[in-house]
PDB file of all heavy atoms in Angstrom:
ATOM      1  N   MET A   1    -174.467 -12.234 -77.596  1.00  0.00           N
ATOM      2  CA  MET A   1    -175.499 -13.309 -77.635  1.00  0.00           C
ATOM      3  C   MET A   1    -176.854 -12.673 -77.242  1.00  0.00           C
ATOM      4  O   MET A   1    -177.889 -13.026 -77.815  1.00  0.00           O
ATOM      5  CB  MET A   1    -175.137 -14.398 -76.649  1.00  0.00           C
ATOM      6  CG  MET A   1    -174.057 -15.352 -77.142  1.00  0.00           C
ATOM      7  SD  MET A   1    -173.610 -16.568 -75.924  1.00  0.00           S
ATOM      8  CE  MET A   1    -175.171 -17.418 -75.693  1.00  0.00           C
ATOM      9  N   GLY A   2    -176.854 -11.754 -76.276  1.00  0.00           N
ATOM     10  CA  GLY A   2    -178.110 -11.095 -75.946  1.00  0.00           C
ATOM     11  C   GLY A   2    -178.641 -10.256 -77.059  1.00  0.00           C
ATOM     12  O   GLY A   2    -179.838 -10.272 -77.360  1.00  0.00           O
ATOM     13  N   ILE A   3    -177.744  -9.554 -77.785  1.00  0.00           N
ATOM     14  CA  ILE A   3    -178.184  -8.692 -78.929  1.00  0.00           C
ATOM     15  C   ILE A   3    -178.717  -9.590 -80.049  1.00  0.00           C
ATOM     16  O   ILE A   3    -179.714  -9.285 -80.663  1.00  0.00           O
ATOM     17  CB  ILE A   3    -177.007  -7.846 -79.426  1.00  0.00           C
ATOM     18  CG1 ILE A   3    -176.501  -6.951 -78.327  1.00  0.00           C
ATOM     19  CG2 ILE A   3    -177.401  -7.079 -80.646  1.00  0.00           C
ATOM     20  CD1 ILE A   3    -177.594  -6.029 -77.753  1.00  0.00           C
ATOM     21  N   ILE A   4    -178.034 -10.708 -80.324  1.00  0.00           N
ATOM     22  CA  ILE A   4    -178.508 -11.604 -81.386  1.00  0.00           C
ATOM     23  C   ILE A   4    -179.884 -12.165 -81.020  1.00  0.00           C
ATOM     24  O   ILE A   4    -180.791 -12.246 -81.887  1.00  0.00           O
ATOM     25  CB  ILE A   4    -177.516 -12.721 -81.549  1.00  0.00           C
ATOM     26  CG1 ILE A   4    -176.226 -12.169 -82.213  1.00  0.00           C
ATOM     27  CG2 ILE A   4    -178.122 -13.832 -82.493  1.00  0.00           C
ATOM     28  CD1 ILE A   4    -175.105 -13.226 -82.287  1.00  0.00           C
ATOM     29  N   GLY A   5    -180.074 -12.487 -79.741  1.00  0.00           N
ATOM     30  CA  GLY A   5    -181.370 -12.993 -79.307  1.00  0.00           C
ATOM     31  C   GLY A   5    -182.431 -11.945 -79.512  1.00  0.00           C
ATOM     32  O   GLY A   5    -183.575 -12.292 -79.936  1.00  0.00           O
ATOM     33  N   LEU A   6    -182.164 -10.727 -79.186  1.00  0.00           N
ATOM     34  CA  LEU A   6    -183.141  -9.652 -79.397  1.00  0.00           C
ATOM     35  C   LEU A   6    -183.490  -9.492 -80.833  1.00  0.00           C
ATOM     36  O   LEU A   6    -184.663  -9.294 -81.230  1.00  0.00           O
ATOM     37  CB  LEU A   6    -182.588  -8.324 -78.832  1.00  0.00           C
ATOM     38  CG  LEU A   6    -182.427  -8.283 -77.307  1.00  0.00           C
ATOM     39  CD1 LEU A   6    -181.668  -7.023 -76.924  1.00  0.00           C
ATOM     40  CD2 LEU A   6    -183.799  -8.364 -76.586  1.00  0.00           C
ATOM     41  N   ASN A   7    -182.504  -9.521 -81.729  1.00  0.00           N
ATOM     42  CA  ASN A   7    -182.741  -9.407 -83.146  1.00  0.00           C
ATOM     43  C   ASN A   7    -183.547 -10.599 -83.703  1.00  0.00           C
ATOM     44  O   ASN A   7    -184.459 -10.427 -84.533  1.00  0.00           O
ATOM     45  CB  ASN A   7    -181.400  -9.323 -83.918  1.00  0.00           C
ATOM     46  CG  ASN A   7    -180.883  -7.854 -83.961  1.00  0.00           C
ATOM     47  OD1 ASN A   7    -181.379  -7.080 -84.714  1.00  0.00           O
ATOM     48  ND2 ASN A   7    -179.824  -7.602 -83.181  1.00  0.00           N
ATOM     49  N   ALA A   8    -183.185 -11.790 -83.259  1.00  0.00           N
ATOM     50  CA  ALA A   8    -183.860 -12.971 -83.717  1.00  0.00           C
ATOM     51  C   ALA A   8    -185.353 -12.962 -83.305  1.00  0.00           C
ATOM     52  O   ALA A   8    -186.242 -13.331 -84.083  1.00  0.00           O
ATOM     53  CB  ALA A   8    -183.224 -14.234 -83.164  1.00  0.00           C
ATOM     54  N   ASN A   9    -185.619 -12.450 -82.101  1.00  0.00           N
ATOM     55  CA  ASN A   9    -186.952 -12.374 -81.634  1.00  0.00           C
ATOM     56  C   ASN A   9    -187.793 -11.411 -82.470  1.00  0.00           C
ATOM     57  O   ASN A   9    -189.021 -11.606 -82.766  1.00  0.00           O
ATOM     58  CB  ASN A   9    -187.017 -11.997 -80.194  1.00  0.00           C
ATOM     59  CG  ASN A   9    -188.384 -12.194 -79.568  1.00  0.00           C
ATOM     60  OD1 ASN A   9    -188.951 -13.220 -79.647  1.00  0.00           O
ATOM     61  ND2 ASN A   9    -188.906 -11.094 -78.966  1.00  0.00           N
ATOM     62  N   ARG A  10    -187.117 -10.286 -82.901  1.00  0.00           N
ATOM     63  CA  ARG A  10    -187.828  -9.342 -83.745  1.00  0.00           C
ATOM     64  C   ARG A  10    -188.159  -9.941 -85.079  1.00  0.00           C
ATOM     65  O   ARG A  10    -189.240  -9.706 -85.671  1.00  0.00           O
ATOM     66  CB  ARG A  10    -186.950  -8.104 -83.955  1.00  0.00           C
ATOM     67  CG  ARG A  10    -186.758  -7.263 -82.718  1.00  0.00           C
ATOM     68  CD  ARG A  10    -188.053  -6.605 -82.304  1.00  0.00           C
ATOM     69  NE  ARG A  10    -188.515  -5.643 -83.238  1.00  0.00           N
ATOM     70  CZ  ARG A  10    -189.622  -4.924 -83.124  1.00  0.00           C
ATOM     71  NH1 ARG A  10    -190.425  -5.159 -82.147  1.00  0.00           N
ATOM     72  NH2 ARG A  10    -189.962  -4.064 -84.064  1.00  0.00           N
ATOM     73  N   LEU A  11    -187.262 -10.766 -85.651  1.00  0.00           N
ATOM     74  CA  LEU A  11    -187.535 -11.439 -86.898  1.00  0.00           C
ATOM     75  C   LEU A  11    -188.713 -12.392 -86.743  1.00  0.00           C
ATOM     76  O   LEU A  11    -189.569 -12.470 -87.632  1.00  0.00           O
ATOM     77  CB  LEU A  11    -186.304 -12.202 -87.361  1.00  0.00           C
ATOM     78  CG  LEU A  11    -185.139 -11.362 -87.911  1.00  0.00           C
ATOM     79  CD1 LEU A  11    -183.943 -12.242 -88.129  1.00  0.00           C
ATOM     80  CD2 LEU A  11    -185.528 -10.638 -89.166  1.00  0.00           C
ATOM     81  N   LEU A  12    -188.778 -13.082 -85.595  1.00  0.00           N
ATOM     82  CA  LEU A  12    -189.876 -14.014 -85.357  1.00  0.00           C
ATOM     83  C   LEU A  12    -191.198 -13.247 -85.193  1.00  0.00           C
ATOM     84  O   LEU A  12    -192.257 -13.803 -85.458  1.00  0.00           O
ATOM     85  CB  LEU A  12    -189.625 -14.834 -84.090  1.00  0.00           C
ATOM     86  CG  LEU A  12    -188.492 -15.811 -84.203  1.00  0.00           C
ATOM     87  CD1 LEU A  12    -188.229 -16.499 -82.861  1.00  0.00           C
ATOM     88  CD2 LEU A  12    -188.727 -16.878 -85.271  1.00  0.00           C
ATOM     89  N   ASP A  13    -191.099 -11.941 -84.761  1.00  0.00           N
ATOM     90  CA  ASP A  13    -192.295 -11.149 -84.661  1.00  0.00           C
ATOM     91  C   ASP A  13    -192.803 -10.632 -86.001  1.00  0.00           C
ATOM     92  O   ASP A  13    -193.812  -9.905 -86.009  1.00  0.00           O
ATOM     93  CB  ASP A  13    -192.067  -9.994 -83.697  1.00  0.00           C
ATOM     94  CG  ASP A  13    -191.995 -10.422 -82.246  1.00  0.00           C
ATOM     95  OD1 ASP A  13    -192.454 -11.572 -81.967  1.00  0.00           O
ATOM     96  OD2 ASP A  13    -191.468  -9.677 -81.407  1.00  0.00           O
ATOM     97  N   GLY A  14    -192.110 -10.913 -87.077  1.00  0.00           N
ATOM     98  CA  GLY A  14    -192.628 -10.569 -88.409  1.00  0.00           C
ATOM     99  C   GLY A  14    -191.880  -9.441 -89.082  1.00  0.00           C
ATOM    100  O   GLY A  14    -192.339  -9.051 -90.181  1.00  0.00           O
ATOM    101  N   VAL A  15    -190.761  -8.943 -88.564  1.00  0.00           N
ATOM    102  CA  VAL A  15    -190.013  -7.926 -89.282  1.00  0.00           C
ATOM    103  C   VAL A  15    -189.405  -8.593 -90.506  1.00  0.00           C
ATOM    104  O   VAL A  15    -188.662  -9.587 -90.402  1.00  0.00           O
ATOM    105  CB  VAL A  15    -188.904  -7.332 -88.373  1.00  0.00           C
ATOM    106  CG1 VAL A  15    -188.040  -6.320 -89.169  1.00  0.00           C
ATOM    107  CG2 VAL A  15    -189.514  -6.688 -87.172  1.00  0.00           C
ATOM    108  N   PRO A  16    -189.580  -8.086 -91.705  1.00  0.00           N
ATOM    109  CA  PRO A  16    -189.064  -8.701 -92.929  1.00  0.00           C
ATOM    110  C   PRO A  16    -187.533  -8.786 -92.911  1.00  0.00           C
ATOM    111  O   PRO A  16    -186.831  -7.893 -92.461  1.00  0.00           O
ATOM    112  CB  PRO A  16    -189.549  -7.786 -94.059  1.00  0.00           C
ATOM    113  CG  PRO A  16    -190.677  -7.020 -93.491  1.00  0.00           C
ATOM    114  CD  PRO A  16    -190.389  -6.860 -92.029  1.00  0.00           C
ATOM    115  N   LEU A  17    -187.042  -9.924 -93.372  1.00  0.00           N
ATOM    116  CA  LEU A  17    -185.598 -10.153 -93.420  1.00  0.00           C
ATOM    117  C   LEU A  17    -184.936  -9.129 -94.325  1.00  0.00           C
ATOM    118  O   LEU A  17    -183.796  -8.650 -94.007  1.00  0.00           O
ATOM    119  CB  LEU A  17    -185.307 -11.598 -93.948  1.00  0.00           C
ATOM    120  CG  LEU A  17    -183.796 -11.955 -94.111  1.00  0.00           C
ATOM    121  CD1 LEU A  17    -183.102 -11.837 -92.786  1.00  0.00           C
ATOM    122  CD2 LEU A  17    -183.681 -13.312 -94.727  1.00  0.00           C
ATOM    123  N   GLU A  18    -185.553  -8.764 -95.452  1.00  0.00           N
ATOM    124  CA  GLU A  18    -184.970  -7.804 -96.332  1.00  0.00           C
ATOM    125  C   GLU A  18    -184.807  -6.425 -95.670  1.00  0.00           C
ATOM    126  O   GLU A  18    -183.815  -5.744 -95.874  1.00  0.00           O
ATOM    127  CB  GLU A  18    -185.875  -7.561 -97.578  1.00  0.00           C
ATOM    128  CG  GLU A  18    -185.953  -8.798 -98.485  1.00  0.00           C
ATOM    129  CD  GLU A  18    -186.908  -9.881 -97.919  1.00  0.00           C
ATOM    130  OE1 GLU A  18    -187.616  -9.537 -96.940  1.00  0.00           O
ATOM    131  OE2 GLU A  18    -186.961 -10.958 -98.452  1.00  0.00           O
ATOM    132  N   GLN A  19    -185.745  -6.021 -94.809  1.00  0.00           N
ATOM    133  CA  GLN A  19    -185.650  -4.812 -94.072  1.00  0.00           C
ATOM    134  C   GLN A  19    -184.528  -4.852 -93.098  1.00  0.00           C
ATOM    135  O   GLN A  19    -183.858  -3.816 -92.911  1.00  0.00           O
ATOM    136  CB  GLN A  19    -186.996  -4.553 -93.338  1.00  0.00           C
ATOM    137  CG  GLN A  19    -187.062  -3.173 -92.742  1.00  0.00           C
ATOM    138  CD  GLN A  19    -188.468  -2.941 -92.076  1.00  0.00           C
ATOM    139  OE1 GLN A  19    -189.262  -3.870 -91.942  1.00  0.00           O
ATOM    140  NE2 GLN A  19    -188.715  -1.727 -91.721  1.00  0.00           N
ATOM    141  N   VAL A  20    -184.324  -5.989 -92.429  1.00  0.00           N
ATOM    142  CA  VAL A  20    -183.265  -6.089 -91.433  1.00  0.00           C
ATOM    143  C   VAL A  20    -181.896  -6.037 -92.173  1.00  0.00           C
ATOM    144  O   VAL A  20    -181.005  -5.345 -91.749  1.00  0.00           O
ATOM    145  CB  VAL A  20    -183.392  -7.419 -90.681  1.00  0.00           C
ATOM    146  CG1 VAL A  20    -182.182  -7.587 -89.763  1.00  0.00           C
ATOM    147  CG2 VAL A  20    -184.679  -7.393 -89.874  1.00  0.00           C
ATOM    148  N   MET A  21    -181.778  -6.770 -93.317  1.00  0.00           N
ATOM    149  CA  MET A  21    -180.501  -6.853 -94.000  1.00  0.00           C
ATOM    150  C   MET A  21    -180.117  -5.455 -94.635  1.00  0.00           C
ATOM    151  O   MET A  21    -178.927  -5.131 -94.728  1.00  0.00           O
ATOM    152  CB  MET A  21    -180.542  -7.899 -95.138  1.00  0.00           C
ATOM    153  CG  MET A  21    -180.630  -9.264 -94.638  1.00  0.00           C
ATOM    154  SD  MET A  21    -179.299  -9.697 -93.524  1.00  0.00           S
ATOM    155  CE  MET A  21    -177.854  -9.483 -94.598  1.00  0.00           C
ATOM    156  N   ALA A  22    -181.109  -4.670 -94.967  1.00  0.00           N
ATOM    157  CA  ALA A  22    -180.826  -3.325 -95.463  1.00  0.00           C
ATOM    158  C   ALA A  22    -180.152  -2.431 -94.407  1.00  0.00           C
ATOM    159  O   ALA A  22    -179.511  -1.459 -94.724  1.00  0.00           O
ATOM    160  CB  ALA A  22    -182.071  -2.639 -95.937  1.00  0.00           C
ATOM    161  N   GLY A  23    -180.361  -2.850 -93.143  1.00  0.00           N
ATOM    162  CA  GLY A  23    -179.672  -2.107 -92.073  1.00  0.00           C
ATOM    163  C   GLY A  23    -178.439  -2.840 -91.625  1.00  0.00           C
ATOM    164  O   GLY A  23    -177.516  -2.152 -91.114  1.00  0.00           O
ATOM    165  N   VAL A  24    -178.337  -4.128 -91.686  1.00  0.00           N
ATOM    166  CA  VAL A  24    -177.217  -4.854 -91.178  1.00  0.00           C
ATOM    167  C   VAL A  24    -175.956  -4.539 -91.886  1.00  0.00           C
ATOM    168  O   VAL A  24    -174.921  -4.257 -91.221  1.00  0.00           O
ATOM    169  CB  VAL A  24    -177.506  -6.401 -91.299  1.00  0.00           C
ATOM    170  CG1 VAL A  24    -176.244  -7.201 -91.044  1.00  0.00           C
ATOM    171  CG2 VAL A  24    -178.622  -6.790 -90.326  1.00  0.00           C
ATOM    172  N   VAL A  25    -175.913  -4.508 -93.201  1.00  0.00           N
ATOM    173  CA  VAL A  25    -174.665  -4.298 -93.935  1.00  0.00           C
ATOM    174  C   VAL A  25    -174.066  -2.934 -93.607  1.00  0.00           C
ATOM    175  O   VAL A  25    -172.881  -2.857 -93.228  1.00  0.00           O
ATOM    176  CB  VAL A  25    -174.886  -4.476 -95.462  1.00  0.00           C
ATOM    177  CG1 VAL A  25    -173.646  -4.108 -96.226  1.00  0.00           C
ATOM    178  CG2 VAL A  25    -175.327  -5.931 -95.733  1.00  0.00           C
ATOM    179  N   PRO A  26    -174.792  -1.825 -93.768  1.00  0.00           N
ATOM    180  CA  PRO A  26    -174.190  -0.544 -93.433  1.00  0.00           C
ATOM    181  C   PRO A  26    -173.785  -0.395 -91.969  1.00  0.00           C
ATOM    182  O   PRO A  26    -172.770   0.213 -91.669  1.00  0.00           O
ATOM    183  CB  PRO A  26    -175.220   0.526 -93.835  1.00  0.00           C
ATOM    184  CG  PRO A  26    -176.516  -0.242 -93.824  1.00  0.00           C
ATOM    185  CD  PRO A  26    -176.160  -1.628 -94.272  1.00  0.00           C
ATOM    186  N   LEU A  27    -174.568  -1.012 -91.102  1.00  0.00           N
ATOM    187  CA  LEU A  27    -174.225  -0.922 -89.685  1.00  0.00           C
ATOM    188  C   LEU A  27    -173.004  -1.742 -89.303  1.00  0.00           C
ATOM    189  O   LEU A  27    -172.248  -1.369 -88.412  1.00  0.00           O
ATOM    190  CB  LEU A  27    -175.422  -1.379 -88.845  1.00  0.00           C
ATOM    191  CG  LEU A  27    -176.531  -0.357 -88.728  1.00  0.00           C
ATOM    192  CD1 LEU A  27    -177.810  -0.964 -88.106  1.00  0.00           C
ATOM    193  CD2 LEU A  27    -176.134   0.905 -88.018  1.00  0.00           C
ATOM    194  N   CYS A  28    -172.768  -2.832 -90.024  1.00  0.00           N
ATOM    195  CA  CYS A  28    -171.525  -3.619 -89.843  1.00  0.00           C
ATOM    196  C   CYS A  28    -170.345  -2.790 -90.259  1.00  0.00           C
ATOM    197  O   CYS A  28    -169.220  -2.832 -89.634  1.00  0.00           O
ATOM    198  CB  CYS A  28    -171.588  -4.918 -90.578  1.00  0.00           C
ATOM    199  SG  CYS A  28    -172.664  -6.164 -89.853  1.00  0.00           S
ATOM    200  N   ILE A  29    -170.485  -2.010 -91.333  1.00  0.00           N
ATOM    201  CA  ILE A  29    -169.391  -1.127 -91.761  1.00  0.00           C
ATOM    202  C   ILE A  29    -169.197  -0.050 -90.689  1.00  0.00           C
ATOM    203  O   ILE A  29    -168.048   0.257 -90.306  1.00  0.00           O
ATOM    204  CB  ILE A  29    -169.741  -0.473 -93.087  1.00  0.00           C
ATOM    205  CG1 ILE A  29    -169.830  -1.591 -94.196  1.00  0.00           C
ATOM    206  CG2 ILE A  29    -168.720   0.592 -93.495  1.00  0.00           C
ATOM    207  CD1 ILE A  29    -170.347  -1.058 -95.542  1.00  0.00           C
ATOM    208  N   ALA A  30    -170.292   0.551 -90.209  1.00  0.00           N
ATOM    209  CA  ALA A  30    -170.191   1.554 -89.147  1.00  0.00           C
ATOM    210  C   ALA A  30    -169.544   1.044 -87.926  1.00  0.00           C
ATOM    211  O   ALA A  30    -168.777   1.748 -87.209  1.00  0.00           O
ATOM    212  CB  ALA A  30    -171.558   2.135 -88.882  1.00  0.00           C
ATOM    213  N   ALA A  31    -169.787  -0.264 -87.609  1.00  0.00           N
ATOM    214  CA  ALA A  31    -169.260  -0.845 -86.418  1.00  0.00           C
ATOM    215  C   ALA A  31    -167.733  -0.834 -86.374  1.00  0.00           C
ATOM    216  O   ALA A  31    -167.130  -0.770 -85.317  1.00  0.00           O
ATOM    217  CB  ALA A  31    -169.771  -2.288 -86.282  1.00  0.00           C
ATOM    218  N   PHE A  32    -167.107  -0.921 -87.534  1.00  0.00           N
ATOM    219  CA  PHE A  32    -165.653  -0.853 -87.652  1.00  0.00           C
ATOM    220  C   PHE A  32    -165.154   0.588 -87.712  1.00  0.00           C
ATOM    221  O   PHE A  32    -164.088   0.965 -87.204  1.00  0.00           O
ATOM    222  CB  PHE A  32    -165.143  -1.661 -88.839  1.00  0.00           C
ATOM    223  CG  PHE A  32    -165.133  -3.161 -88.573  1.00  0.00           C
ATOM    224  CD1 PHE A  32    -166.191  -3.938 -88.873  1.00  0.00           C
ATOM    225  CD2 PHE A  32    -163.992  -3.727 -88.059  1.00  0.00           C
ATOM    226  CE1 PHE A  32    -166.203  -5.311 -88.622  1.00  0.00           C
ATOM    227  CE2 PHE A  32    -163.935  -5.131 -87.816  1.00  0.00           C
ATOM    228  CZ  PHE A  32    -165.030  -5.909 -88.110  1.00  0.00           C
ATOM    229  N   CYS A  33    -165.930   1.392 -88.464  1.00  0.00           N
ATOM    230  CA  CYS A  33    -165.429   2.794 -88.631  1.00  0.00           C
ATOM    231  C   CYS A  33    -165.309   3.584 -87.360  1.00  0.00           C
ATOM    232  O   CYS A  33    -164.332   4.307 -87.143  1.00  0.00           O
ATOM    233  CB  CYS A  33    -166.420   3.544 -89.576  1.00  0.00           C
ATOM    234  SG  CYS A  33    -166.402   2.960 -91.306  1.00  0.00           S
ATOM    235  N   TYR A  34    -166.306   3.401 -86.457  1.00  0.00           N
ATOM    236  CA  TYR A  34    -166.312   4.211 -85.227  1.00  0.00           C
ATOM    237  C   TYR A  34    -165.112   3.934 -84.309  1.00  0.00           C
ATOM    238  O   TYR A  34    -164.382   4.816 -83.929  1.00  0.00           O
ATOM    239  CB  TYR A  34    -167.616   4.012 -84.467  1.00  0.00           C
ATOM    240  CG  TYR A  34    -167.836   5.052 -83.403  1.00  0.00           C
ATOM    241  CD1 TYR A  34    -167.885   6.396 -83.705  1.00  0.00           C
ATOM    242  CD2 TYR A  34    -167.997   4.679 -82.054  1.00  0.00           C
ATOM    243  CE1 TYR A  34    -168.140   7.366 -82.705  1.00  0.00           C
ATOM    244  CE2 TYR A  34    -168.252   5.640 -81.077  1.00  0.00           C
ATOM    245  CZ  TYR A  34    -168.294   6.971 -81.403  1.00  0.00           C
ATOM    246  OH  TYR A  34    -168.485   7.891 -80.440  1.00  0.00           O
ATOM    247  N   PRO A  35    -164.786   2.635 -83.998  1.00  0.00           N
ATOM    248  CA  PRO A  35    -163.608   2.385 -83.149  1.00  0.00           C
ATOM    249  C   PRO A  35    -162.284   2.704 -83.883  1.00  0.00           C
ATOM    250  O   PRO A  35    -161.346   3.085 -83.219  1.00  0.00           O
ATOM    251  CB  PRO A  35    -163.757   0.896 -82.824  1.00  0.00           C
ATOM    252  CG  PRO A  35    -164.654   0.341 -83.837  1.00  0.00           C
ATOM    253  CD  PRO A  35    -165.609   1.403 -84.185  1.00  0.00           C
TER     254      PRO A  35
END
């Protein structure tokens, strides 16, 4: 919840959604690969 809040605040600060999503998908894959 804390991490989601931090990300949401960055989006409110003007970080483009497309830029965030370009990182979200590969990082979600990485999140499973590492463990």
